[in-house]
């Protein structure tokens, strides 16, 4: 059952919405700070658009929130094996050096609604939403710079995302990072063609 579709309303997350709602807390300090204080400026700078699902029975309660931005999957810098794997997904005559994508910049579920499958519900809705016929522009992939911890990476893997790089070392080389520096996020992607026949 789609809790977000049946029990919530989708709203743009801006200063007006924030004033109307109780403070949002997903339990991650960086994400909470972004959704409470940075989201308005992020939108004004045209870096991304933020949205939230609010409870129908109490619209002051934000169940979950997310931010999307335009992006691309640039395969020119991928390791040979990963570049080949991506190329196999796309007909030869359509091969490009980069492919259109949406970046999931931020995503959080309120601590009050944890353990109810809402994170997966939200990701499924995002995937289908960006494929709707009224979406402006093409979008082949969803991407995310996932926090490099087990719980976050497990969430994205369980929702069909793949690592863009098979090792942290490869990703550090791609980003021009020294080997000893900590990699705080991992680039992951989801091929939306897997769902294109469901729209």
C-alpha atoms as a PDB file:
ATOM      1  CA  UNK A   1       0.000   0.000   0.000  1.00  0.00           C
ATOM      2  CA  UNK A   2       1.319   3.452  -0.951  1.00  0.00           C
ATOM      3  CA  UNK A   3       1.129   5.350   2.340  1.00  0.00           C
ATOM      4  CA  UNK A   4       2.444   8.564   0.811  1.00  0.00           C
ATOM      5  CA  UNK A   5      -0.176   8.590  -1.954  1.00  0.00           C
ATOM      6  CA  UNK A   6      -3.126   7.653   0.248  1.00  0.00           C
ATOM      7  CA  UNK A   7      -2.311   9.467   3.501  1.00  0.00           C
ATOM      8  CA  UNK A   8      -0.176  12.444   2.466  1.00  0.00           C
ATOM      9  CA  UNK A   9      -0.062  15.426   0.153  1.00  0.00           C
ATOM     10  CA  UNK A  10       3.016  16.352  -1.889  1.00  0.00           C
ATOM     11  CA  UNK A  11       4.082  19.989  -1.424  1.00  0.00           C
ATOM     12  CA  UNK A  12       6.969  22.136  -2.536  1.00  0.00           C
ATOM     13  CA  UNK A  13       9.267  22.620   0.453  1.00  0.00           C
ATOM     14  CA  UNK A  14       9.945  26.340   0.783  1.00  0.00           C
ATOM     15  CA  UNK A  15       9.869  29.021   3.481  1.00  0.00           C
ATOM     16  CA  UNK A  16       6.067  29.242   3.302  1.00  0.00           C
ATOM     17  CA  UNK A  17       5.691  25.496   3.908  1.00  0.00           C
ATOM     18  CA  UNK A  18       8.283  25.536   6.688  1.00  0.00           C
ATOM     19  CA  UNK A  19       6.405  28.283   8.546  1.00  0.00           C
ATOM     20  CA  UNK A  20       3.178  26.248   8.339  1.00  0.00           C
ATOM     21  CA  UNK A  21       4.799  23.022   9.584  1.00  0.00           C
ATOM     22  CA  UNK A  22       6.350  21.624  12.732  1.00  0.00           C
ATOM     23  CA  UNK A  23      10.165  21.295  12.575  1.00  0.00           C
ATOM     24  CA  UNK A  24      11.279  18.354  10.445  1.00  0.00           C
ATOM     25  CA  UNK A  25      13.721  15.885  12.013  1.00  0.00           C
ATOM     26  CA  UNK A  26      15.120  12.842  10.228  1.00  0.00           C
ATOM     27  CA  UNK A  27      17.850  12.214  12.785  1.00  0.00           C
ATOM     28  CA  UNK A  28      20.785  13.354  10.627  1.00  0.00           C
ATOM     29  CA  UNK A  29      22.166  16.740  11.696  1.00  0.00           C
ATOM     30  CA  UNK A  30      23.323  17.764   8.194  1.00  0.00           C
ATOM     31  CA  UNK A  31      20.035  16.802   6.535  1.00  0.00           C
ATOM     32  CA  UNK A  32      17.923  18.410   9.246  1.00  0.00           C
ATOM     33  CA  UNK A  33      19.917  21.629   8.977  1.00  0.00           C
ATOM     34  CA  UNK A  34      19.540  21.652   5.188  1.00  0.00           C
ATOM     35  CA  UNK A  35      15.763  21.141   5.226  1.00  0.00           C
ATOM     36  CA  UNK A  36      15.211  23.674   8.009  1.00  0.00           C
ATOM     37  CA  UNK A  37      17.624  26.465   7.056  1.00  0.00           C
ATOM     38  CA  UNK A  38      19.227  25.972   3.619  1.00  0.00           C
ATOM     39  CA  UNK A  39      16.424  24.706   1.417  1.00  0.00           C
ATOM     40  CA  UNK A  40      15.093  28.169   0.505  1.00  0.00           C
ATOM     41  CA  UNK A  41      18.471  29.546  -0.583  1.00  0.00           C
ATOM     42  CA  UNK A  42      19.267  26.318  -2.474  1.00  0.00           C
ATOM     43  CA  UNK A  43      16.116  26.805  -4.515  1.00  0.00           C
ATOM     44  CA  UNK A  44      16.678  30.529  -5.048  1.00  0.00           C
ATOM     45  CA  UNK A  45      20.113  29.784  -6.477  1.00  0.00           C
ATOM     46  CA  UNK A  46      18.436  27.331  -8.929  1.00  0.00           C
ATOM     47  CA  UNK A  47      20.531  24.447  -7.615  1.00  0.00           C
ATOM     48  CA  UNK A  48      17.605  22.136  -6.947  1.00  0.00           C
ATOM     49  CA  UNK A  49      13.939  21.932  -5.974  1.00  0.00           C
ATOM     50  CA  UNK A  50      12.782  20.526  -2.668  1.00  0.00           C
ATOM     51  CA  UNK A  51       9.535  18.763  -1.867  1.00  0.00           C
ATOM     52  CA  UNK A  52       7.883  17.126   1.106  1.00  0.00           C
ATOM     53  CA  UNK A  53       4.996  14.808   1.884  1.00  0.00           C
ATOM     54  CA  UNK A  54       2.705  16.127   4.639  1.00  0.00           C
ATOM     55  CA  UNK A  55       0.042  14.173   6.493  1.00  0.00           C
ATOM     56  CA  UNK A  56      -3.484  14.682   5.172  1.00  0.00           C
ATOM     57  CA  UNK A  57      -4.928  14.517   8.697  1.00  0.00           C
ATOM     58  CA  UNK A  58      -2.380  17.049  10.013  1.00  0.00           C
ATOM     59  CA  UNK A  59      -0.626  19.054   7.262  1.00  0.00           C
ATOM     60  CA  UNK A  60       1.732  20.577   9.840  1.00  0.00           C
ATOM     61  CA  UNK A  61       3.533  17.204  10.000  1.00  0.00           C
ATOM     62  CA  UNK A  62       6.221  16.561   7.376  1.00  0.00           C
ATOM     63  CA  UNK A  63       6.597  12.811   6.887  1.00  0.00           C
ATOM     64  CA  UNK A  64       9.559  12.958   4.498  1.00  0.00           C
ATOM     65  CA  UNK A  65      11.436  15.418   2.315  1.00  0.00           C
ATOM     66  CA  UNK A  66      13.700  15.334  -0.717  1.00  0.00           C
ATOM     67  CA  UNK A  67      15.552  17.572  -3.157  1.00  0.00           C
ATOM     68  CA  UNK A  68      16.116  16.964  -6.873  1.00  0.00           C
ATOM     69  CA  UNK A  69      18.543  18.638  -9.270  1.00  0.00           C
ATOM     70  CA  UNK A  70      19.460  18.217 -12.916  1.00  0.00           C
ATOM     71  CA  UNK A  71      22.586  16.158 -13.440  1.00  0.00           C
ATOM     72  CA  UNK A  72      24.205  13.697 -15.822  1.00  0.00           C
ATOM     73  CA  UNK A  73      26.050  10.409 -15.826  1.00  0.00           C
ATOM     74  CA  UNK A  74      29.357  11.177 -17.550  1.00  0.00           C
ATOM     75  CA  UNK A  75      30.774   7.831 -18.617  1.00  0.00           C
ATOM     76  CA  UNK A  76      34.029   9.203 -20.088  1.00  0.00           C
ATOM     77  CA  UNK A  77      35.766   9.053 -16.726  1.00  0.00           C
ATOM     78  CA  UNK A  78      34.370   5.712 -15.587  1.00  0.00           C
ATOM     79  CA  UNK A  79      36.672   2.673 -15.394  1.00  0.00           C
ATOM     80  CA  UNK A  80      36.529   0.490 -18.528  1.00  0.00           C
ATOM     81  CA  UNK A  81      34.418  -2.289 -16.974  1.00  0.00           C
ATOM     82  CA  UNK A  82      31.847   0.128 -15.548  1.00  0.00           C
ATOM     83  CA  UNK A  83      31.698   2.142 -18.784  1.00  0.00           C
ATOM     84  CA  UNK A  84      31.100  -1.080 -20.717  1.00  0.00           C
ATOM     85  CA  UNK A  85      28.343  -2.137 -18.294  1.00  0.00           C
ATOM     86  CA  UNK A  86      26.528   1.177 -18.784  1.00  0.00           C
ATOM     87  CA  UNK A  87      27.017   1.051 -22.553  1.00  0.00           C
ATOM     88  CA  UNK A  88      25.303  -2.340 -22.638  1.00  0.00           C
ATOM     89  CA  UNK A  89      22.139  -0.729 -21.246  1.00  0.00           C
ATOM     90  CA  UNK A  90      21.755   1.628 -24.200  1.00  0.00           C
ATOM     91  CA  UNK A  91      21.362   0.792 -27.928  1.00  0.00           C
ATOM     92  CA  UNK A  92      24.637   1.309 -29.798  1.00  0.00           C
ATOM     93  CA  UNK A  93      23.291   4.053 -32.055  1.00  0.00           C
ATOM     94  CA  UNK A  94      22.336   6.074 -28.964  1.00  0.00           C
ATOM     95  CA  UNK A  95      25.722   5.932 -27.214  1.00  0.00           C
ATOM     96  CA  UNK A  96      26.760   9.294 -25.761  1.00  0.00           C
ATOM     97  CA  UNK A  97      29.582  10.501 -23.554  1.00  0.00           C
ATOM     98  CA  UNK A  98      27.065  11.518 -20.896  1.00  0.00           C
ATOM     99  CA  UNK A  99      23.408  10.761 -20.202  1.00  0.00           C
ATOM    100  CA  UNK A 100      20.703  12.958 -18.621  1.00  0.00           C
ATOM    101  CA  UNK A 101      19.912  12.295 -14.984  1.00  0.00           C
ATOM    102  CA  UNK A 102      18.253  13.678 -11.902  1.00  0.00           C
ATOM    103  CA  UNK A 103      20.379  13.895  -8.791  1.00  0.00           C
ATOM    104  CA  UNK A 104      18.692  13.066  -5.482  1.00  0.00           C
ATOM    105  CA  UNK A 105      20.531  15.772  -3.521  1.00  0.00           C
ATOM    106  CA  UNK A 106      18.857  15.241  -0.167  1.00  0.00           C
ATOM    107  CA  UNK A 107      16.385  12.684   1.171  1.00  0.00           C
ATOM    108  CA  UNK A 108      15.103  12.145   4.686  1.00  0.00           C
ATOM    109  CA  UNK A 109      12.246  10.437   6.545  1.00  0.00           C
ATOM    110  CA  UNK A 110      10.968  11.844   9.826  1.00  0.00           C
ATOM    111  CA  UNK A 111      12.131   9.879  12.859  1.00  0.00           C
ATOM    112  CA  UNK A 112       8.451   9.586  13.869  1.00  0.00           C
ATOM    113  CA  UNK A 113       7.779   7.509  10.736  1.00  0.00           C
ATOM    114  CA  UNK A 114      10.831   5.252  10.703  1.00  0.00           C
ATOM    115  CA  UNK A 115      10.464   1.508  10.206  1.00  0.00           C
ATOM    116  CA  UNK A 116       7.256   1.772   8.162  1.00  0.00           C
ATOM    117  CA  UNK A 117       8.795   1.345   4.691  1.00  0.00           C
ATOM    118  CA  UNK A 118       8.315   5.028   3.882  1.00  0.00           C
ATOM    119  CA  UNK A 119      11.890   5.441   2.611  1.00  0.00           C
ATOM    120  CA  UNK A 120      11.288   2.814  -0.066  1.00  0.00           C
ATOM    121  CA  UNK A 121       7.792   4.197  -0.732  1.00  0.00           C
ATOM    122  CA  UNK A 122       9.350   7.638  -1.275  1.00  0.00           C
ATOM    123  CA  UNK A 123      12.078   6.369  -3.601  1.00  0.00           C
ATOM    124  CA  UNK A 124       9.515   4.459  -5.692  1.00  0.00           C
ATOM    125  CA  UNK A 125       7.422   7.625  -5.992  1.00  0.00           C
ATOM    126  CA  UNK A 126      10.447   9.705  -7.026  1.00  0.00           C
ATOM    127  CA  UNK A 127      11.379   7.173  -9.710  1.00  0.00           C
ATOM    128  CA  UNK A 128       7.880   7.175 -11.193  1.00  0.00           C
ATOM    129  CA  UNK A 129       7.412  10.936 -10.797  1.00  0.00           C
ATOM    130  CA  UNK A 130      10.461  11.875 -12.893  1.00  0.00           C
ATOM    131  CA  UNK A 131       9.192   9.575 -15.658  1.00  0.00           C
ATOM    132  CA  UNK A 132       5.731  11.130 -15.938  1.00  0.00           C
ATOM    133  CA  UNK A 133       4.864  12.471 -19.421  1.00  0.00           C
ATOM    134  CA  UNK A 134       4.580  16.053 -18.143  1.00  0.00           C
ATOM    135  CA  UNK A 135       8.167  16.041 -16.820  1.00  0.00           C
ATOM    136  CA  UNK A 136      10.187  18.579 -18.772  1.00  0.00           C
ATOM    137  CA  UNK A 137      13.253  17.071 -20.440  1.00  0.00           C
ATOM    138  CA  UNK A 138      14.673  13.590 -20.712  1.00  0.00           C
ATOM    139  CA  UNK A 139      16.048  11.649 -17.782  1.00  0.00           C
ATOM    140  CA  UNK A 140      17.679   8.231 -18.162  1.00  0.00           C
ATOM    141  CA  UNK A 141      19.164   7.838 -14.681  1.00  0.00           C
ATOM    142  CA  UNK A 142      18.632   8.772 -11.072  1.00  0.00           C
ATOM    143  CA  UNK A 143      21.922   9.429  -9.294  1.00  0.00           C
ATOM    144  CA  UNK A 144      22.882  10.039  -5.694  1.00  0.00           C
ATOM    145  CA  UNK A 145      26.030  10.881  -3.778  1.00  0.00           C
ATOM    146  CA  UNK A 146      25.144   8.500  -0.965  1.00  0.00           C
ATOM    147  CA  UNK A 147      26.700   8.962   2.448  1.00  0.00           C
ATOM    148  CA  UNK A 148      29.504   6.424   2.659  1.00  0.00           C
ATOM    149  CA  UNK A 149      28.105   4.402   5.535  1.00  0.00           C
ATOM    150  CA  UNK A 150      26.573   0.946   5.607  1.00  0.00           C
ATOM    151  CA  UNK A 151      22.982   1.947   6.406  1.00  0.00           C
ATOM    152  CA  UNK A 152      22.717   4.594   3.669  1.00  0.00           C
ATOM    153  CA  UNK A 153      24.416   2.507   0.999  1.00  0.00           C
ATOM    154  CA  UNK A 154      22.269  -0.497   1.944  1.00  0.00           C
ATOM    155  CA  UNK A 155      19.134   1.635   1.516  1.00  0.00           C
ATOM    156  CA  UNK A 156      20.083   2.695  -2.009  1.00  0.00           C
ATOM    157  CA  UNK A 157      21.247  -0.795  -2.996  1.00  0.00           C
ATOM    158  CA  UNK A 158      17.934  -2.251  -1.751  1.00  0.00           C
ATOM    159  CA  UNK A 159      16.175   0.316  -3.951  1.00  0.00           C
ATOM    160  CA  UNK A 160      17.986  -0.803  -7.109  1.00  0.00           C
ATOM    161  CA  UNK A 161      20.925   1.624  -7.200  1.00  0.00           C
ATOM    162  CA  UNK A 162      24.362   0.475  -8.367  1.00  0.00           C
ATOM    163  CA  UNK A 163      27.788   1.831  -7.516  1.00  0.00           C
ATOM    164  CA  UNK A 164      29.260   3.940 -10.304  1.00  0.00           C
ATOM    165  CA  UNK A 165      32.711   2.752  -9.201  1.00  0.00           C
ATOM    166  CA  UNK A 166      33.453  -0.740  -7.965  1.00  0.00           C
ATOM    167  CA  UNK A 167      36.016   0.443  -5.394  1.00  0.00           C
ATOM    168  CA  UNK A 168      36.582   3.523  -3.267  1.00  0.00           C
ATOM    169  CA  UNK A 169      40.068   3.826  -4.770  1.00  0.00           C
ATOM    170  CA  UNK A 170      38.627   4.133  -8.306  1.00  0.00           C
ATOM    171  CA  UNK A 171      36.206   6.821  -7.126  1.00  0.00           C
ATOM    172  CA  UNK A 172      38.978   8.759  -5.386  1.00  0.00           C
ATOM    173  CA  UNK A 173      41.033   8.700  -8.587  1.00  0.00           C
ATOM    174  CA  UNK A 174      38.007   9.935 -10.568  1.00  0.00           C
ATOM    175  CA  UNK A 175      37.546  12.795  -8.092  1.00  0.00           C
ATOM    176  CA  UNK A 176      41.264  13.604  -7.921  1.00  0.00           C
ATOM    177  CA  UNK A 177      41.396  12.812  -4.213  1.00  0.00           C
ATOM    178  CA  UNK A 178      44.572  11.627  -2.457  1.00  0.00           C
ATOM    179  CA  UNK A 179      44.359   7.917  -1.486  1.00  0.00           C
ATOM    180  CA  UNK A 180      44.571   8.654   2.241  1.00  0.00           C
ATOM    181  CA  UNK A 181      41.630  11.068   2.278  1.00  0.00           C
ATOM    182  CA  UNK A 182      38.269   9.775   3.547  1.00  0.00           C
ATOM    183  CA  UNK A 183      35.591   9.321   0.889  1.00  0.00           C
ATOM    184  CA  UNK A 184      32.452  10.745   2.503  1.00  0.00           C
ATOM    185  CA  UNK A 185      30.001   9.840  -0.296  1.00  0.00           C
ATOM    186  CA  UNK A 186      29.728   7.219  -3.036  1.00  0.00           C
ATOM    187  CA  UNK A 187      28.224   7.918  -6.453  1.00  0.00           C
ATOM    188  CA  UNK A 188      25.358   5.517  -7.223  1.00  0.00           C
ATOM    189  CA  UNK A 189      22.864   5.327 -10.091  1.00  0.00           C
ATOM    190  CA  UNK A 190      19.514   3.774 -11.021  1.00  0.00           C
ATOM    191  CA  UNK A 191      18.527   3.079 -14.642  1.00  0.00           C
ATOM    192  CA  UNK A 192      15.015   4.460 -15.119  1.00  0.00           C
ATOM    193  CA  UNK A 193      14.458   2.306 -18.215  1.00  0.00           C
ATOM    194  CA  UNK A 194      13.713  -0.493 -15.772  1.00  0.00           C
ATOM    195  CA  UNK A 195      10.467   1.348 -14.976  1.00  0.00           C
ATOM    196  CA  UNK A 196       9.661   3.084 -18.264  1.00  0.00           C
ATOM    197  CA  UNK A 197       6.965   0.532 -19.168  1.00  0.00           C
ATOM    198  CA  UNK A 198       5.096   1.266 -15.890  1.00  0.00           C
ATOM    199  CA  UNK A 199       4.162   4.824 -16.843  1.00  0.00           C
END
